Protein backbone atom coordinates (compact mmCIF):
# COMPACT_ATOMS: atom_id res chain seq x y z
CA MET A 1 118.17 107.12 117.25
CA LYS A 2 115.68 104.25 118.21
CA ILE A 3 112.93 102.46 115.62
CA SER A 4 109.70 101.02 115.91
CA VAL A 5 108.96 98.75 113.51
CA VAL A 6 105.11 99.12 112.36
CA ILE A 7 103.57 96.24 110.36
CA PRO A 8 99.77 96.69 109.10
CA ASN A 9 97.88 93.82 108.64
CA TRP A 10 94.71 92.50 107.42
CA ASN A 11 94.04 88.77 106.54
CA GLY A 12 97.71 88.45 106.32
CA LYS A 13 98.37 85.28 108.34
CA GLU A 14 100.36 83.51 105.52
CA LEU A 15 102.38 86.40 104.94
CA LEU A 16 103.41 86.82 108.60
CA GLU A 17 104.13 83.52 109.31
CA LYS A 18 106.71 83.84 106.32
CA ASN A 19 108.16 87.37 107.13
CA LEU A 20 107.81 87.94 110.73
CA PRO A 21 110.41 85.81 111.83
CA ALA A 22 112.93 87.80 109.40
CA VAL A 23 111.66 90.83 111.22
CA LEU A 24 112.32 89.61 114.77
CA ALA A 25 115.58 88.69 113.70
CA ALA A 26 116.43 91.68 112.34
CA ALA A 27 115.18 93.14 115.87
CA ASP A 28 117.65 91.15 117.20
CA ASN A 29 120.43 92.36 115.79
CA PRO A 30 121.57 95.54 117.84
CA LYS A 31 123.08 97.62 115.01
CA ASN A 32 119.42 98.13 113.74
CA ASN A 33 118.53 99.54 116.95
CA ILE A 34 114.64 98.41 116.74
CA SER A 35 113.02 99.04 120.07
CA GLU A 36 109.68 97.45 119.55
CA VAL A 37 107.65 95.87 116.82
CA ILE A 38 104.31 96.85 116.51
CA VAL A 39 101.23 94.93 114.48
CA VAL A 40 98.50 97.07 113.62
CA ASP A 41 95.63 94.47 112.75
CA ASP A 42 92.71 96.18 110.51
CA LYS A 43 90.03 93.56 111.60
CA SER A 44 91.37 90.61 110.00
CA SER A 45 88.43 87.69 109.47
CA ASP A 46 91.46 85.45 108.78
CA ASP A 47 93.47 83.81 112.19
CA SER A 48 96.22 86.52 111.74
CA LEU A 49 95.39 87.44 115.56
CA LYS A 50 95.32 83.94 116.93
CA PHE A 51 98.23 83.20 114.68
CA LEU A 52 99.91 86.11 116.54
CA GLU A 53 99.14 85.62 119.70
CA THR A 54 100.16 82.26 119.98
CA GLU A 55 103.28 82.26 118.14
CA PHE A 56 104.63 85.48 118.93
CA ALA A 57 103.47 86.55 122.62
CA GLY A 58 105.37 88.86 124.12
CA ARG A 59 107.86 89.88 121.28
CA ILE A 60 105.64 92.08 119.33
CA LYS A 61 102.65 94.54 120.55
CA ILE A 62 99.28 93.77 119.00
CA VAL A 63 97.05 97.03 117.59
CA ARG A 64 93.53 95.81 116.93
CA HIS A 65 90.93 97.56 114.90
CA THR A 66 87.30 97.19 115.79
CA GLN A 67 86.39 97.87 112.03
CA ASN A 68 88.53 97.73 108.98
CA ARG A 69 89.68 101.14 108.47
CA GLY A 70 91.77 100.75 105.04
CA PHE A 71 95.76 101.21 104.71
CA ALA A 72 96.01 104.40 105.83
CA SER A 73 94.82 104.67 108.99
CA THR A 74 96.12 101.14 109.83
CA VAL A 75 99.59 102.75 109.05
CA ASN A 76 98.76 106.16 111.17
CA THR A 77 97.29 104.41 114.22
CA GLY A 78 100.85 102.23 114.38
CA ALA A 79 102.69 105.35 113.97
CA ARG A 80 100.43 107.35 116.86
CA THR A 81 101.45 104.02 118.79
CA ALA A 82 105.11 103.81 118.19
CA ARG A 83 107.45 105.20 121.02
CA ALA A 84 110.56 105.59 119.01
CA PRO A 85 111.53 108.62 116.97
CA LEU A 86 111.72 106.95 113.94
CA VAL A 87 108.96 104.77 112.34
CA CYS A 88 109.76 101.62 109.81
CA GLN A 89 106.37 100.78 107.89
CA ILE A 90 107.04 97.19 106.63
CA ASN A 91 104.11 95.46 104.62
CA THR A 92 103.74 91.63 105.79
CA ASP A 93 104.50 90.71 102.14
CA VAL A 94 107.91 92.31 102.94
CA THR A 95 111.25 90.45 104.06
CA PRO A 96 113.87 92.39 105.15
CA SER A 97 117.79 91.47 105.62
CA ILE A 98 118.99 91.39 108.82
CA ASP A 99 120.84 94.51 108.53
CA PHE A 100 118.34 96.46 106.69
CA LEU A 101 118.18 99.61 108.64
CA VAL A 102 121.74 100.02 109.60
CA ALA A 103 122.63 101.95 106.83
CA VAL A 104 119.78 103.96 107.18
CA LEU A 105 120.18 105.70 110.65
CA PRO A 106 122.71 107.99 109.40
CA HIS A 107 120.60 109.93 107.40
CA PHE A 108 118.53 110.77 110.09
CA GLU A 109 120.89 113.24 111.61
CA ASP A 110 120.43 115.56 109.08
CA SER A 111 117.19 117.61 110.57
CA LYS A 112 115.67 118.22 107.09
CA VAL A 113 115.42 114.64 106.32
CA PHE A 114 112.02 113.18 106.19
CA ALA A 115 112.28 109.94 105.31
CA VAL A 116 114.49 107.23 103.67
CA SER A 117 112.74 104.69 101.26
CA LEU A 118 114.39 100.98 101.34
CA HIS A 119 115.92 99.36 98.55
CA GLU A 120 113.50 96.62 97.21
CA LYS A 121 115.56 94.19 95.19
CA ARG A 122 114.97 95.12 91.49
CA PHE A 123 113.89 98.59 92.22
CA GLY A 124 115.44 101.73 92.50
CA PRO A 125 114.26 105.09 93.65
CA ALA A 126 111.33 106.49 92.95
CA ARG A 127 110.79 109.33 90.15
CA GLY A 128 108.03 111.49 89.27
CA LYS A 129 106.55 112.96 86.29
CA PHE A 130 104.20 115.31 84.98
CA GLU A 131 103.21 114.35 81.61
CA PHE A 132 99.92 115.55 79.53
CA GLY A 133 98.55 116.95 82.69
CA PHE A 134 98.87 113.97 85.10
CA VAL A 135 101.55 113.25 87.56
CA GLY A 136 102.97 109.67 87.04
CA PHE A 137 105.69 107.96 88.59
CA GLY A 138 107.80 105.18 88.17
CA SER A 139 110.78 103.20 89.55
CA GLY A 140 114.66 104.47 88.34
CA LYS A 141 117.65 102.72 87.96
CA GLU A 142 119.25 101.19 91.07
CA LYS A 143 121.98 103.16 92.17
CA ASP A 144 125.05 102.38 94.50
CA ARG A 145 124.76 105.61 96.62
CA PRO A 146 121.63 107.17 98.28
CA VAL A 147 119.81 109.62 96.38
CA ASP A 148 116.60 111.75 96.44
CA SER A 149 113.54 109.68 95.77
CA PHE A 150 110.15 111.19 94.87
CA TRP A 151 108.19 109.36 97.50
CA VAL A 152 109.08 106.80 100.15
CA ASN A 153 106.94 103.77 99.83
CA GLY A 154 104.76 103.44 103.02
CA GLY A 155 105.14 99.45 102.94
CA SER A 156 109.12 99.64 102.83
CA GLY A 157 110.26 103.05 104.37
CA VAL A 158 111.67 104.59 107.62
CA PHE A 159 109.97 107.82 108.56
CA LYS A 160 110.81 110.67 111.14
CA ARG A 161 107.54 110.39 113.55
CA SER A 162 107.83 113.64 114.71
CA ILE A 163 107.35 115.33 110.90
CA TRP A 164 105.02 112.73 110.50
CA MET A 165 102.85 113.76 113.26
CA LYS A 166 103.18 117.49 112.62
CA LEU A 167 101.87 116.28 108.16
CA LYS A 168 99.19 114.48 110.30
CA GLY A 169 100.28 111.05 108.63
CA MET A 170 98.30 109.81 105.78
CA ASP A 171 95.46 111.26 104.49
CA GLU A 172 92.53 109.22 105.59
CA ALA A 173 89.96 111.24 104.83
CA LEU A 174 90.31 111.50 101.17
CA LEU A 175 92.51 108.49 100.01
CA SER A 176 90.92 105.84 101.98
CA PRO A 177 91.13 102.58 101.49
CA PHE A 178 94.36 102.30 99.76
CA TYR A 179 96.67 104.07 96.82
CA TRP A 180 98.62 107.20 96.75
CA GLU A 181 98.48 108.01 100.26
CA ASP A 182 102.22 107.60 100.42
CA ILE A 183 102.85 109.62 97.47
CA ASP A 184 101.01 112.35 98.98
CA LEU A 185 102.39 112.23 102.48
CA SER A 186 105.86 112.33 100.78
CA TYR A 187 105.06 115.05 98.41
CA ARG A 188 103.36 117.56 101.12
CA ALA A 189 106.62 116.75 102.97
CA ALA A 190 108.75 117.83 100.05
CA LYS A 191 106.98 120.91 99.35
CA ARG A 192 107.27 121.71 103.21
CA GLY A 193 111.30 121.72 102.26
CA TYR A 194 112.03 118.00 104.01
CA ARG A 195 114.08 115.49 102.13
CA LEU A 196 113.31 112.62 100.71
CA LEU A 197 115.76 109.54 100.14
CA TRP A 198 116.55 106.08 98.64
CA GLU A 199 119.23 103.95 100.16
CA PRO A 200 120.97 101.13 98.27
CA ARG A 201 122.24 99.16 101.21
CA ALA A 202 119.14 98.45 103.24
CA ASN A 203 117.96 95.72 101.62
CA VAL A 204 114.34 94.10 101.44
CA ILE A 205 112.71 91.92 99.39
CA HIS A 206 109.15 93.08 98.33
CA LYS A 207 106.23 91.02 97.15
CA HIS A 208 104.29 93.61 95.70
CA GLU A 209 100.35 93.34 95.78
CA SER A 210 100.01 90.19 98.16
CA THR A 211 97.30 91.62 99.72
CA MET A 212 95.46 93.73 96.84
CA MET A 213 95.13 90.44 95.00
CA LYS A 214 92.41 89.15 97.38
CA LEU A 215 90.24 92.19 96.13
CA SER A 216 88.05 92.83 92.97
CA GLN A 217 90.89 94.29 90.48
CA LYS A 218 88.11 96.26 88.77
CA ARG A 219 87.15 98.18 92.15
CA VAL A 220 91.24 98.61 92.86
CA ALA A 221 91.67 100.15 89.69
CA LYS A 222 89.17 102.38 90.18
CA ILE A 223 90.37 103.33 93.62
CA ARG A 224 93.85 104.01 92.10
CA GLU A 225 92.54 106.28 89.14
CA ARG A 226 90.47 108.45 91.76
CA ASN A 227 93.00 109.04 94.26
CA GLN A 228 95.43 110.02 91.60
CA LEU A 229 92.83 113.06 90.72
CA ILE A 230 92.38 113.54 94.37
CA PHE A 231 96.26 113.89 94.63
CA ILE A 232 96.53 116.43 91.74
CA TRP A 233 93.43 118.20 92.64
CA LYS A 234 94.86 118.53 96.29
CA ASN A 235 98.27 119.24 95.72
CA LEU A 236 99.41 120.82 92.46
CA THR A 237 99.02 124.47 93.20
CA SER A 238 101.32 125.71 90.53
CA ALA A 239 98.39 127.56 88.32
CA ASN A 240 100.68 126.82 85.35
CA MET A 241 100.42 123.00 85.70
CA PHE A 242 97.40 123.20 86.75
CA LYS A 243 96.02 124.60 84.10
CA LYS A 244 98.10 121.73 81.75
CA HIS A 245 95.91 119.23 84.16
CA ILE A 246 92.86 120.53 82.99
CA LYS A 247 93.72 120.51 79.05
CA GLY A 248 94.76 117.05 79.92
CA LEU A 249 91.76 115.91 82.07
CA PHE A 250 89.15 117.15 78.85
CA ARG A 251 91.73 115.15 76.29
CA ARG A 252 91.26 112.00 78.55
CA LEU A 253 87.63 112.55 78.81
CA PHE A 254 87.21 113.09 75.02
CA LYS A 255 89.31 109.73 74.06
CA ASN A 256 87.78 107.96 76.92
CA PRO A 257 84.18 109.07 77.74
CA GLY A 258 84.15 105.98 80.45
CA TYR A 259 86.97 108.18 82.44
CA ILE A 260 83.84 110.41 84.11
CA ARG A 261 83.06 108.01 86.48
CA ILE A 262 86.53 108.29 88.08
CA VAL A 263 85.86 112.07 87.73
CA LEU A 264 82.36 112.03 89.32
CA ALA A 265 83.98 109.50 92.34
CA ALA A 266 86.51 112.36 92.72
CA LEU A 267 83.86 114.92 92.93
CA VAL A 268 82.13 113.50 95.40
CA LYS A 269 84.98 114.82 97.91
CA LEU A 270 85.63 118.32 96.42
CA PRO A 271 84.69 120.29 99.38
CA LYS A 272 87.43 118.31 101.39
CA ILE A 273 89.66 118.39 98.43
CA LEU A 274 89.44 122.11 98.06
CA ALA A 275 89.64 122.56 101.91
CA ALA A 276 92.78 120.68 101.57
CA ARG A 277 94.36 122.60 98.55
CA LYS A 278 93.92 125.82 100.22
CA LYS A 279 96.23 124.24 103.16
CA GLU A 280 98.89 123.49 100.59
CA LYS A 281 98.97 126.89 99.50
CA ARG A 282 99.74 128.50 102.35
CA GLU A 283 102.43 125.98 103.72
CA SER A 284 104.19 125.16 100.84
CA LYS A 285 107.52 126.41 100.35
CA VAL A 286 108.89 124.61 97.31
CA SER A 287 107.21 124.84 94.17
CA ASP A 288 105.44 121.86 92.36
CA GLU A 289 107.86 122.70 89.42
CA ALA A 290 110.69 122.49 91.29
CA ILE A 291 109.92 119.13 92.63
CA PHE A 292 109.11 117.72 89.26
CA ALA A 293 112.65 119.20 87.89
CA ARG A 294 114.62 117.08 90.26
CA PHE A 295 113.94 114.04 88.31
CA GLN A 296 114.16 115.07 84.63
């Protein structure tokens, strides 16, 4: 299968300057099966576009947002623009190895595989956990074989485009501008019976949070916590587990009264959350308990 590489960009000229040549070198390796490289610019205010047009004209496709719309919208634009059956979403702060997609391709011969996470140096497969009424995640130990992953990173993963479009991609309506959108997409796919994998031979180096460090960290933390709540309210359809969440939520509010601001920020979107939750209940084939049991 051919692969479209999609790079979301916001004020990332320095990162593009550093990492885009490595992406193009990998694109020149025929074993990676890369048919196009797309950069989606989310209304950058730096010299990103001028740099791309000057240095990489004819080598990449540039798609421009006329308004700043956030990460989920930017990668969704890239997936819609892509022409190949597989889409590699890779952030500007990721440096791929010359053959980073070679080991990924065979996994998609299985029709049930939705996405494969690349191997970020020092990070293993993602593991999900349900503790004290809240969904959390972490990185497992690096392994020497492909294994199941709780989620596939939206900044260093390969996705089957047909399933991405069927799931309507990342949730712009509820999770913009950033955080939890790739976990949400992965979880929705898993609950519909699709597989998520981590491939140890798909080597990349990911300098995490390079873009996020440009933003107010207080605002970033608030959005992260708000989106965690939205994810739970939308996707956790097990009555037993949701009951534990409510208990955990009140416990957290009791210990930290300031957390009410996070709850109120999520409640603003409650009508849309309930509509999405109804859809998840209707379309899910795999229980929440079964998914978390894989990572115990």
